[in-house]
Amino acid sequence: MELKKPTGESANETATSQEQAPAQVSLRQRVYLLWQELGMVVVLIVLCIFMALFAPYFLTLSNLVNVAQQSSINAILAAGMLLLIPKRKDDLC
């Protein structure tokens, strides 16, 4: 079986396609991509600001400690799943 050498045209097409600059991303696409990555963080910050303004005990130390204690169990489970799922060991019982 013989390997064919690339002709001048296909070699030029390959070089031309590699030399092309990446397409410009519009402002709308940039905002959409940024929202996909940071949207939940923005919502969380807005929600915390709203609660701090309308609930007088929201930003107290005892409330923040309580929230941290309650979310710690979910954080530990998420860390365990982070280690197991990439290894395809989905049985968590």
C-alpha atoms as a PDB file:
ATOM      1  CA  MET A   1       0.000   0.000   0.000  1.00  0.00           C
ATOM      2  CA  GLU A   2       1.505   3.298  -1.081  1.00  0.00           C
ATOM      3  CA  LEU A   3       1.109   6.523   0.797  1.00  0.00           C
ATOM      4  CA  LYS A   4       0.220   9.423  -1.422  1.00  0.00           C
ATOM      5  CA  LYS A   5       2.071  12.663  -1.007  1.00  0.00           C
ATOM      6  CA  PRO A   6      -0.135  15.680  -0.555  1.00  0.00           C
ATOM      7  CA  THR A   7      -0.559  17.738  -3.654  1.00  0.00           C
ATOM      8  CA  GLY A   8       0.265  21.407  -3.707  1.00  0.00           C
ATOM      9  CA  GLU A   9      -3.390  22.426  -3.393  1.00  0.00           C
ATOM     10  CA  SER A  10      -4.217  20.417  -0.272  1.00  0.00           C
ATOM     11  CA  ALA A  11      -0.981  21.449   1.413  1.00  0.00           C
ATOM     12  CA  ASN A  12      -1.754  25.096   0.669  1.00  0.00           C
ATOM     13  CA  GLU A  13      -5.319  24.699   1.964  1.00  0.00           C
ATOM     14  CA  THR A  14      -4.006  23.238   5.217  1.00  0.00           C
ATOM     15  CA  ALA A  15      -1.515  26.047   5.664  1.00  0.00           C
ATOM     16  CA  THR A  16      -4.150  28.655   4.843  1.00  0.00           C
ATOM     17  CA  SER A  17      -6.659  27.226   7.337  1.00  0.00           C
ATOM     18  CA  GLN A  18      -4.036  27.211  10.097  1.00  0.00           C
ATOM     19  CA  GLU A  19      -3.004  30.805   9.387  1.00  0.00           C
ATOM     20  CA  GLN A  20      -6.519  32.204   9.652  1.00  0.00           C
ATOM     21  CA  ALA A  21      -7.106  34.335  12.725  1.00  0.00           C
ATOM     22  CA  PRO A  22      -9.814  33.232  15.168  1.00  0.00           C
ATOM     23  CA  ALA A  23     -13.226  34.699  14.480  1.00  0.00           C
ATOM     24  CA  GLN A  24     -14.208  37.824  16.354  1.00  0.00           C
ATOM     25  CA  VAL A  25     -16.624  37.223  19.208  1.00  0.00           C
ATOM     26  CA  SER A  26     -19.467  39.706  19.428  1.00  0.00           C
ATOM     27  CA  LEU A  27     -20.274  41.597  22.603  1.00  0.00           C
ATOM     28  CA  ARG A  28     -23.523  39.650  22.964  1.00  0.00           C
ATOM     29  CA  GLN A  29     -21.655  36.328  22.812  1.00  0.00           C
ATOM     30  CA  ARG A  30     -19.099  37.551  25.353  1.00  0.00           C
ATOM     31  CA  VAL A  31     -21.836  38.587  27.775  1.00  0.00           C
ATOM     32  CA  TYR A  32     -23.580  35.249  27.295  1.00  0.00           C
ATOM     33  CA  LEU A  33     -20.380  33.281  27.965  1.00  0.00           C
ATOM     34  CA  LEU A  34     -19.582  35.415  30.999  1.00  0.00           C
ATOM     35  CA  TRP A  35     -23.117  34.888  32.331  1.00  0.00           C
ATOM     36  CA  GLN A  36     -22.767  31.120  31.876  1.00  0.00           C
ATOM     37  CA  GLU A  37     -19.587  31.093  33.948  1.00  0.00           C
ATOM     38  CA  LEU A  38     -20.431  33.675  36.613  1.00  0.00           C
ATOM     39  CA  GLY A  39     -24.217  33.872  36.588  1.00  0.00           C
ATOM     40  CA  MET A  40     -24.830  31.928  39.787  1.00  0.00           C
ATOM     41  CA  VAL A  41     -22.186  33.942  41.651  1.00  0.00           C
ATOM     42  CA  VAL A  42     -23.922  37.175  40.633  1.00  0.00           C
ATOM     43  CA  VAL A  43     -27.309  35.802  41.739  1.00  0.00           C
ATOM     44  CA  LEU A  44     -25.840  34.704  45.084  1.00  0.00           C
ATOM     45  CA  ILE A  45     -24.282  38.119  45.703  1.00  0.00           C
ATOM     46  CA  VAL A  46     -27.532  39.920  44.835  1.00  0.00           C
ATOM     47  CA  LEU A  47     -29.472  37.579  47.117  1.00  0.00           C
ATOM     48  CA  CYS A  48     -27.043  38.179  50.002  1.00  0.00           C
ATOM     49  CA  ILE A  49     -27.292  41.956  49.535  1.00  0.00           C
ATOM     50  CA  PHE A  50     -31.097  41.735  49.463  1.00  0.00           C
ATOM     51  CA  MET A  51     -31.190  39.632  52.637  1.00  0.00           C
ATOM     52  CA  ALA A  52     -28.705  41.904  54.410  1.00  0.00           C
ATOM     53  CA  LEU A  53     -30.892  44.928  53.688  1.00  0.00           C
ATOM     54  CA  PHE A  54     -34.245  43.417  54.673  1.00  0.00           C
ATOM     55  CA  ALA A  55     -33.357  40.880  57.404  1.00  0.00           C
ATOM     56  CA  PRO A  56     -31.595  42.544  60.342  1.00  0.00           C
ATOM     57  CA  TYR A  57     -29.958  39.368  61.694  1.00  0.00           C
ATOM     58  CA  PHE A  58     -28.766  37.921  58.401  1.00  0.00           C
ATOM     59  CA  LEU A  59     -25.142  39.117  58.631  1.00  0.00           C
ATOM     60  CA  THR A  60     -24.645  38.320  62.304  1.00  0.00           C
ATOM     61  CA  LEU A  61     -21.809  36.033  63.327  1.00  0.00           C
ATOM     62  CA  SER A  62     -24.132  33.402  64.805  1.00  0.00           C
ATOM     63  CA  ASN A  63     -26.164  33.199  61.578  1.00  0.00           C
ATOM     64  CA  LEU A  64     -23.054  32.915  59.388  1.00  0.00           C
ATOM     65  CA  VAL A  65     -21.660  30.136  61.645  1.00  0.00           C
ATOM     66  CA  ASN A  66     -25.019  28.350  61.453  1.00  0.00           C
ATOM     67  CA  VAL A  67     -25.037  28.550  57.630  1.00  0.00           C
ATOM     68  CA  ALA A  68     -21.435  27.271  57.486  1.00  0.00           C
ATOM     69  CA  GLN A  69     -22.256  24.328  59.764  1.00  0.00           C
ATOM     70  CA  GLN A  70     -25.323  23.360  57.762  1.00  0.00           C
ATOM     71  CA  SER A  71     -23.546  23.558  54.416  1.00  0.00           C
ATOM     72  CA  SER A  72     -20.431  21.688  55.583  1.00  0.00           C
ATOM     73  CA  ILE A  73     -22.074  18.269  55.137  1.00  0.00           C
ATOM     74  CA  ASN A  74     -22.953  19.052  51.523  1.00  0.00           C
ATOM     75  CA  ALA A  75     -19.408  20.326  50.940  1.00  0.00           C
ATOM     76  CA  ILE A  76     -17.905  17.084  52.274  1.00  0.00           C
ATOM     77  CA  LEU A  77     -20.232  14.978  50.102  1.00  0.00           C
ATOM     78  CA  ALA A  78     -19.411  17.111  47.052  1.00  0.00           C
ATOM     79  CA  ALA A  79     -15.680  16.670  47.669  1.00  0.00           C
ATOM     80  CA  GLY A  80     -16.116  12.891  47.876  1.00  0.00           C
ATOM     81  CA  MET A  81     -18.111  12.807  44.664  1.00  0.00           C
ATOM     82  CA  LEU A  82     -15.493  15.002  43.003  1.00  0.00           C
ATOM     83  CA  LEU A  83     -12.952  12.266  43.659  1.00  0.00           C
ATOM     84  CA  LEU A  84     -15.179   9.301  42.755  1.00  0.00           C
ATOM     85  CA  ILE A  85     -17.020  10.388  39.615  1.00  0.00           C
ATOM     86  CA  PRO A  86     -13.948  10.878  37.366  1.00  0.00           C
ATOM     87  CA  LYS A  87     -12.837   7.347  38.290  1.00  0.00           C
ATOM     88  CA  ARG A  88     -16.249   5.971  37.150  1.00  0.00           C
ATOM     89  CA  LYS A  89     -17.011   4.606  40.614  1.00  0.00           C
ATOM     90  CA  ASP A  90     -20.542   5.931  40.879  1.00  0.00           C
ATOM     91  CA  ASP A  91     -21.708   3.594  43.651  1.00  0.00           C
ATOM     92  CA  LEU A  92     -21.807   5.816  46.724  1.00  0.00           C
ATOM     93  CA  CYS A  93     -23.743   3.560  49.095  1.00  0.00           C
END
